[in-house]
């Protein structure tokens, strides 16, 4: 019997409007582990199509997981 998918902590869930180039690039799945200490991946918001969200704050993988942001909408 398959196990249930893991339940994500709300702080781990990104905003539904967060995008990055890696989402559109084909990969074989090997070596794609993110590094929390350094991430130079460009991110953008689908609402503004820029690197700033509707709240005029920066868009990145960690900032766009904060439920306190006025524009945050979980997946």
PDB file of N, CA and C in Angstrom:
ATOM      1  N   UNK A   1       0.844  -1.180   0.000  1.00  0.00           N
ATOM      2  CA  UNK A   1       0.000   0.000   0.000  1.00  0.00           C
ATOM      3  C   UNK A   1       0.890   1.245   0.000  1.00  0.00           C
ATOM      4  N   UNK A   2       0.679   2.176  -0.941  1.00  0.00           N
ATOM      5  CA  UNK A   2       1.522   3.370  -1.001  1.00  0.00           C
ATOM      6  C   UNK A   2       1.297   4.264   0.213  1.00  0.00           C
ATOM      7  N   UNK A   3       2.373   4.900   0.626  1.00  0.00           N
ATOM      8  CA  UNK A   3       2.261   5.799   1.773  1.00  0.00           C
ATOM      9  C   UNK A   3       1.695   7.141   1.318  1.00  0.00           C
ATOM     10  N   UNK A   4       1.110   7.851   2.269  1.00  0.00           N
ATOM     11  CA  UNK A   4       0.565   9.177   1.981  1.00  0.00           C
ATOM     12  C   UNK A   4       1.708  10.145   1.699  1.00  0.00           C
ATOM     13  N   UNK A   5       1.471  11.147   0.845  1.00  0.00           N
ATOM     14  CA  UNK A   5       2.525  12.136   0.598  1.00  0.00           C
ATOM     15  C   UNK A   5       2.813  12.916   1.881  1.00  0.00           C
ATOM     16  N   UNK A   6       4.044  13.382   2.033  1.00  0.00           N
ATOM     17  CA  UNK A   6       4.379  14.112   3.248  1.00  0.00           C
ATOM     18  C   UNK A   6       3.575  15.402   3.354  1.00  0.00           C
ATOM     19  N   UNK A   7       3.186  15.750   4.547  1.00  0.00           N
ATOM     20  CA  UNK A   7       2.465  16.992   4.796  1.00  0.00           C
ATOM     21  C   UNK A   7       3.508  18.089   4.982  1.00  0.00           C
ATOM     22  N   UNK A   8       3.405  19.123   4.162  1.00  0.00           N
ATOM     23  CA  UNK A   8       4.372  20.201   4.236  1.00  0.00           C
ATOM     24  C   UNK A   8       3.971  21.214   5.288  1.00  0.00           C
ATOM     25  N   UNK A   9       4.946  21.665   6.016  1.00  0.00           N
ATOM     26  CA  UNK A   9       4.770  22.764   6.947  1.00  0.00           C
ATOM     27  C   UNK A   9       4.412  23.993   6.121  1.00  0.00           C
ATOM     28  N   UNK A  10       3.528  24.842   6.598  1.00  0.00           N
ATOM     29  CA  UNK A  10       3.113  26.021   5.843  1.00  0.00           C
ATOM     30  C   UNK A  10       4.315  26.885   5.459  1.00  0.00           C
ATOM     31  N   UNK A  11       5.352  26.920   6.293  1.00  0.00           N
ATOM     32  CA  UNK A  11       6.540  27.720   5.990  1.00  0.00           C
ATOM     33  C   UNK A  11       7.326  27.135   4.822  1.00  0.00           C
ATOM     34  N   UNK A  12       7.102  25.877   4.474  1.00  0.00           N
ATOM     35  CA  UNK A  12       7.810  25.248   3.362  1.00  0.00           C
ATOM     36  C   UNK A  12       7.086  25.439   2.037  1.00  0.00           C
ATOM     37  N   UNK A  13       5.852  25.838   2.065  1.00  0.00           N
ATOM     38  CA  UNK A  13       5.046  25.960   0.857  1.00  0.00           C
ATOM     39  C   UNK A  13       5.317  27.312   0.200  1.00  0.00           C
ATOM     40  N   UNK A  14       5.745  27.315  -1.068  1.00  0.00           N
ATOM     41  CA  UNK A  14       5.993  28.592  -1.743  1.00  0.00           C
ATOM     42  C   UNK A  14       4.698  29.244  -2.215  1.00  0.00           C
ATOM     43  N   UNK A  15       4.797  30.501  -2.508  1.00  0.00           N
ATOM     44  CA  UNK A  15       3.664  31.235  -3.074  1.00  0.00           C
ATOM     45  C   UNK A  15       3.365  30.690  -4.467  1.00  0.00           C
ATOM     46  N   UNK A  16       2.106  30.640  -4.822  1.00  0.00           N
ATOM     47  CA  UNK A  16       1.713  30.101  -6.117  1.00  0.00           C
ATOM     48  C   UNK A  16       2.183  30.970  -7.288  1.00  0.00           C
ATOM     49  N   UNK A  17       2.599  32.192  -7.025  1.00  0.00           N
ATOM     50  CA  UNK A  17       3.028  33.097  -8.084  1.00  0.00           C
ATOM     51  C   UNK A  17       4.547  33.142  -8.263  1.00  0.00           C
ATOM     52  N   UNK A  18       5.283  32.394  -7.442  1.00  0.00           N
ATOM     53  CA  UNK A  18       6.738  32.352  -7.532  1.00  0.00           C
ATOM     54  C   UNK A  18       7.170  31.497  -8.712  1.00  0.00           C
ATOM     55  N   UNK A  19       8.083  32.014  -9.516  1.00  0.00           N
ATOM     56  CA  UNK A  19       8.617  31.272 -10.649  1.00  0.00           C
ATOM     57  C   UNK A  19      10.130  31.437 -10.685  1.00  0.00           C
ATOM     58  N   UNK A  20      10.798  30.435 -11.302  1.00  0.00           N
ATOM     59  CA  UNK A  20      12.232  30.529 -11.542  1.00  0.00           C
ATOM     60  C   UNK A  20      12.568  29.787 -12.826  1.00  0.00           C
ATOM     61  N   UNK A  21      13.721  30.086 -13.368  1.00  0.00           N
ATOM     62  CA  UNK A  21      14.123  29.515 -14.650  1.00  0.00           C
ATOM     63  C   UNK A  21      14.174  27.992 -14.610  1.00  0.00           C
ATOM     64  N   UNK A  22      14.549  27.437 -13.477  1.00  0.00           N
ATOM     65  CA  UNK A  22      14.658  25.993 -13.347  1.00  0.00           C
ATOM     66  C   UNK A  22      13.350  25.257 -13.585  1.00  0.00           C
ATOM     67  N   UNK A  23      12.237  25.952 -13.459  1.00  0.00           N
ATOM     68  CA  UNK A  23      10.938  25.329 -13.684  1.00  0.00           C
ATOM     69  C   UNK A  23      10.694  25.060 -15.165  1.00  0.00           C
ATOM     70  N   UNK A  24      11.470  25.704 -16.033  1.00  0.00           N
ATOM     71  CA  UNK A  24      11.236  25.611 -17.461  1.00  0.00           C
ATOM     72  C   UNK A  24      12.391  24.956 -18.221  1.00  0.00           C
ATOM     73  N   UNK A  25      13.370  24.452 -17.496  1.00  0.00           N
ATOM     74  CA  UNK A  25      14.537  23.838 -18.117  1.00  0.00           C
ATOM     75  C   UNK A  25      14.475  22.339 -17.892  1.00  0.00           C
ATOM     76  N   UNK A  26      14.660  21.564 -18.967  1.00  0.00           N
ATOM     77  CA  UNK A  26      14.644  20.118 -18.844  1.00  0.00           C
ATOM     78  C   UNK A  26      15.847  19.654 -18.042  1.00  0.00           C
ATOM     79  N   UNK A  27      15.632  18.702 -17.157  1.00  0.00           N
ATOM     80  CA  UNK A  27      16.716  18.109 -16.392  1.00  0.00           C
ATOM     81  C   UNK A  27      16.412  16.645 -16.190  1.00  0.00           C
ATOM     82  N   UNK A  28      17.451  15.864 -15.968  1.00  0.00           N
ATOM     83  CA  UNK A  28      17.242  14.444 -15.734  1.00  0.00           C
ATOM     84  C   UNK A  28      16.956  14.155 -14.265  1.00  0.00           C
ATOM     85  N   UNK A  29      16.994  15.180 -13.433  1.00  0.00           N
ATOM     86  CA  UNK A  29      16.658  15.008 -12.026  1.00  0.00           C
ATOM     87  C   UNK A  29      17.837  14.734 -11.124  1.00  0.00           C
ATOM     88  N   UNK A  30      19.026  14.570 -11.676  1.00  0.00           N
ATOM     89  CA  UNK A  30      20.198  14.299 -10.856  1.00  0.00           C
ATOM     90  C   UNK A  30      20.902  15.596 -10.496  1.00  0.00           C
ATOM     91  N   UNK A  31      21.294  15.713  -9.240  1.00  0.00           N
ATOM     92  CA  UNK A  31      22.056  16.875  -8.795  1.00  0.00           C
ATOM     93  C   UNK A  31      21.251  18.146  -8.708  1.00  0.00           C
ATOM     94  N   UNK A  32      19.965  18.039  -8.585  1.00  0.00           N
ATOM     95  CA  UNK A  32      19.126  19.233  -8.536  1.00  0.00           C
ATOM     96  C   UNK A  32      18.780  19.646  -7.112  1.00  0.00           C
ATOM     97  N   UNK A  33      19.567  19.217  -6.158  1.00  0.00           N
ATOM     98  CA  UNK A  33      19.291  19.585  -4.770  1.00  0.00           C
ATOM     99  C   UNK A  33      19.641  21.052  -4.544  1.00  0.00           C
ATOM    100  N   UNK A  34      18.694  21.858  -4.035  1.00  0.00           N
ATOM    101  CA  UNK A  34      18.984  23.271  -3.806  1.00  0.00           C
ATOM    102  C   UNK A  34      19.950  23.451  -2.636  1.00  0.00           C
ATOM    103  N   UNK A  35      20.707  24.495  -2.697  1.00  0.00           N
ATOM    104  CA  UNK A  35      21.637  24.831  -1.621  1.00  0.00           C
ATOM    105  C   UNK A  35      21.079  26.031  -0.879  1.00  0.00           C
ATOM    106  N   UNK A  36      20.758  25.844   0.391  1.00  0.00           N
ATOM    107  CA  UNK A  36      20.162  26.919   1.169  1.00  0.00           C
ATOM    108  C   UNK A  36      21.146  28.041   1.467  1.00  0.00           C
ATOM    109  N   UNK A  37      22.449  27.730   1.498  1.00  0.00           N
ATOM    110  CA  UNK A  37      23.413  28.753   1.853  1.00  0.00           C
ATOM    111  C   UNK A  37      23.712  29.718   0.703  1.00  0.00           C
ATOM    112  N   UNK A  38      23.496  29.294  -0.537  1.00  0.00           N
ATOM    113  CA  UNK A  38      23.757  30.168  -1.681  1.00  0.00           C
ATOM    114  C   UNK A  38      22.854  29.757  -2.834  1.00  0.00           C
ATOM    115  N   UNK A  39      22.072  30.678  -3.313  1.00  0.00           N
ATOM    116  CA  UNK A  39      21.180  30.389  -4.424  1.00  0.00           C
ATOM    117  C   UNK A  39      21.164  31.594  -5.346  1.00  0.00           C
ATOM    118  N   UNK A  40      21.735  31.462  -6.530  1.00  0.00           N
ATOM    119  CA  UNK A  40      21.752  32.574  -7.475  1.00  0.00           C
ATOM    120  C   UNK A  40      20.712  32.413  -8.582  1.00  0.00           C
ATOM    121  N   UNK A  41      19.734  31.551  -8.349  1.00  0.00           N
ATOM    122  CA  UNK A  41      18.673  31.321  -9.328  1.00  0.00           C
ATOM    123  C   UNK A  41      17.785  32.559  -9.437  1.00  0.00           C
ATOM    124  N   UNK A  42      17.592  33.080 -10.634  1.00  0.00           N
ATOM    125  CA  UNK A  42      16.680  34.222 -10.780  1.00  0.00           C
ATOM    126  C   UNK A  42      15.235  33.791 -10.534  1.00  0.00           C
ATOM    127  N   UNK A  43      14.537  34.542  -9.731  1.00  0.00           N
ATOM    128  CA  UNK A  43      13.123  34.299  -9.442  1.00  0.00           C
ATOM    129  C   UNK A  43      12.321  35.522  -9.867  1.00  0.00           C
ATOM    130  N   UNK A  44      11.045  35.313 -10.181  1.00  0.00           N
ATOM    131  CA  UNK A  44      10.159  36.420 -10.472  1.00  0.00           C
ATOM    132  C   UNK A  44       8.755  36.073 -10.015  1.00  0.00           C
ATOM    133  N   UNK A  45       7.921  37.084  -9.931  1.00  0.00           N
ATOM    134  CA  UNK A  45       6.539  36.937  -9.492  1.00  0.00           C
ATOM    135  C   UNK A  45       5.638  37.017 -10.720  1.00  0.00           C
ATOM    136  N   UNK A  46       4.690  36.103 -10.822  1.00  0.00           N
ATOM    137  CA  UNK A  46       3.764  36.128 -11.958  1.00  0.00           C
ATOM    138  C   UNK A  46       2.801  37.313 -11.907  1.00  0.00           C
ATOM    139  N   UNK A  47       2.588  37.858 -10.724  1.00  0.00           N
ATOM    140  CA  UNK A  47       1.687  39.008 -10.625  1.00  0.00           C
ATOM    141  C   UNK A  47       2.321  40.276 -11.190  1.00  0.00           C
ATOM    142  N   UNK A  48       3.630  40.444 -10.968  1.00  0.00           N
ATOM    143  CA  UNK A  48       4.308  41.659 -11.422  1.00  0.00           C
ATOM    144  C   UNK A  48       5.226  41.409 -12.609  1.00  0.00           C
ATOM    145  N   UNK A  49       5.603  40.133 -12.834  1.00  0.00           N
ATOM    146  CA  UNK A  49       6.550  39.744 -13.872  1.00  0.00           C
ATOM    147  C   UNK A  49       7.909  40.421 -13.687  1.00  0.00           C
ATOM    148  N   UNK A  50       8.252  40.725 -12.432  1.00  0.00           N
ATOM    149  CA  UNK A  50       9.545  41.309 -12.097  1.00  0.00           C
ATOM    150  C   UNK A  50      10.116  40.594 -10.882  1.00  0.00           C
ATOM    151  N   UNK A  51      11.275  41.055 -10.430  1.00  0.00           N
ATOM    152  CA  UNK A  51      11.903  40.484  -9.238  1.00  0.00           C
ATOM    153  C   UNK A  51      11.394  41.134  -7.960  1.00  0.00           C
ATOM    154  N   UNK A  52      10.327  41.917  -8.071  1.00  0.00           N
ATOM    155  CA  UNK A  52       9.669  42.506  -6.908  1.00  0.00           C
ATOM    156  C   UNK A  52       8.219  42.068  -6.912  1.00  0.00           C
ATOM    157  N   UNK A  53       7.709  41.710  -5.732  1.00  0.00           N
ATOM    158  CA  UNK A  53       6.323  41.304  -5.617  1.00  0.00           C
ATOM    159  C   UNK A  53       5.392  42.488  -5.564  1.00  0.00           C
ATOM    160  N   UNK A  54       4.090  42.251  -5.517  1.00  0.00           N
ATOM    161  CA  UNK A  54       3.106  43.326  -5.429  1.00  0.00           C
ATOM    162  C   UNK A  54       3.270  44.175  -4.168  1.00  0.00           C
ATOM    163  N   UNK A  55       3.938  43.617  -3.158  1.00  0.00           N
ATOM    164  CA  UNK A  55       4.183  44.353  -1.920  1.00  0.00           C
ATOM    165  C   UNK A  55       5.495  45.137  -1.966  1.00  0.00           C
ATOM    166  N   UNK A  56       6.107  45.235  -3.151  1.00  0.00           N
ATOM    167  CA  UNK A  56       7.374  45.951  -3.385  1.00  0.00           C
ATOM    168  C   UNK A  56       8.557  45.356  -2.637  1.00  0.00           C
ATOM    169  N   UNK A  57       8.463  44.097  -2.231  1.00  0.00           N
ATOM    170  CA  UNK A  57       9.572  43.400  -1.589  1.00  0.00           C
ATOM    171  C   UNK A  57      10.190  42.449  -2.607  1.00  0.00           C
ATOM    172  N   UNK A  58      11.454  42.075  -2.374  1.00  0.00           N
ATOM    173  CA  UNK A  58      12.176  41.180  -3.289  1.00  0.00           C
ATOM    174  C   UNK A  58      11.500  39.812  -3.385  1.00  0.00           C
ATOM    175  N   UNK A  59      11.644  39.194  -4.536  1.00  0.00           N
ATOM    176  CA  UNK A  59      11.130  37.852  -4.795  1.00  0.00           C
ATOM    177  C   UNK A  59      12.305  36.886  -4.766  1.00  0.00           C
ATOM    178  N   UNK A  60      12.232  35.866  -3.922  1.00  0.00           N
ATOM    179  CA  UNK A  60      13.205  34.773  -3.945  1.00  0.00           C
ATOM    180  C   UNK A  60      12.612  33.569  -3.237  1.00  0.00           C
ATOM    181  N   UNK A  61      13.334  32.471  -3.278  1.00  0.00           N
ATOM    182  CA  UNK A  61      12.809  31.201  -2.774  1.00  0.00           C
ATOM    183  C   UNK A  61      12.449  31.236  -1.302  1.00  0.00           C
ATOM    184  N   UNK A  62      13.190  31.975  -0.499  1.00  0.00           N
ATOM    185  CA  UNK A  62      12.889  32.003   0.941  1.00  0.00           C
ATOM    186  C   UNK A  62      11.869  33.082   1.288  1.00  0.00           C
ATOM    187  N   UNK A  63      11.975  34.245   0.669  1.00  0.00           N
ATOM    188  CA  UNK A  63      11.043  35.342   0.970  1.00  0.00           C
ATOM    189  C   UNK A  63       9.612  34.992   0.572  1.00  0.00           C
ATOM    190  N   UNK A  64       9.460  34.255  -0.502  1.00  0.00           N
ATOM    191  CA  UNK A  64       8.123  33.946  -1.012  1.00  0.00           C
ATOM    192  C   UNK A  64       7.535  32.685  -0.397  1.00  0.00           C
ATOM    193  N   UNK A  65       7.995  32.360   0.800  1.00  0.00           N
ATOM    194  CA  UNK A  65       7.411  31.288   1.610  1.00  0.00           C
ATOM    195  C   UNK A  65       6.889  31.856   2.933  1.00  0.00           C
ATOM    196  N   UNK A  66       6.973  33.160   3.074  1.00  0.00           N
ATOM    197  CA  UNK A  66       6.559  33.815   4.314  1.00  0.00           C
ATOM    198  C   UNK A  66       5.076  34.155   4.252  1.00  0.00           C
ATOM    199  N   UNK A  67       4.329  33.533   5.126  1.00  0.00           N
ATOM    200  CA  UNK A  67       2.878  33.738   5.126  1.00  0.00           C
ATOM    201  C   UNK A  67       2.494  35.151   5.535  1.00  0.00           C
ATOM    202  N   UNK A  68       3.413  35.904   6.108  1.00  0.00           N
ATOM    203  CA  UNK A  68       3.130  37.267   6.535  1.00  0.00           C
ATOM    204  C   UNK A  68       3.125  38.278   5.401  1.00  0.00           C
ATOM    205  N   UNK A  69       3.599  37.898   4.236  1.00  0.00           N
ATOM    206  CA  UNK A  69       3.576  38.831   3.108  1.00  0.00           C
ATOM    207  C   UNK A  69       2.145  39.024   2.636  1.00  0.00           C
ATOM    208  N   UNK A  70       1.788  40.253   2.334  1.00  0.00           N
ATOM    209  CA  UNK A  70       0.406  40.542   1.945  1.00  0.00           C
ATOM    210  C   UNK A  70       0.011  39.870   0.634  1.00  0.00           C
ATOM    211  N   UNK A  71       0.969  39.551  -0.219  1.00  0.00           N
ATOM    212  CA  UNK A  71       0.669  38.964  -1.519  1.00  0.00           C
ATOM    213  C   UNK A  71       0.784  37.438  -1.525  1.00  0.00           C
ATOM    214  N   UNK A  72       1.167  36.835  -0.414  1.00  0.00           N
ATOM    215  CA  UNK A  72       1.399  35.390  -0.351  1.00  0.00           C
ATOM    216  C   UNK A  72       0.108  34.601  -0.563  1.00  0.00           C
ATOM    217  N   UNK A  73       0.144  33.659  -1.500  1.00  0.00           N
ATOM    218  CA  UNK A  73      -0.958  32.725  -1.732  1.00  0.00           C
ATOM    219  C   UNK A  73      -0.343  31.339  -1.842  1.00  0.00           C
ATOM    220  N   UNK A  74      -0.599  30.437  -0.900  1.00  0.00           N
ATOM    221  CA  UNK A  74       0.016  29.106  -0.956  1.00  0.00           C
ATOM    222  C   UNK A  74      -0.456  28.316  -2.159  1.00  0.00           C
ATOM    223  N   UNK A  75       0.363  27.371  -2.554  1.00  0.00           N
ATOM    224  CA  UNK A  75       0.020  26.494  -3.688  1.00  0.00           C
ATOM    225  C   UNK A  75      -1.197  25.676  -3.337  1.00  0.00           C
TER     226      UNK A  75
END
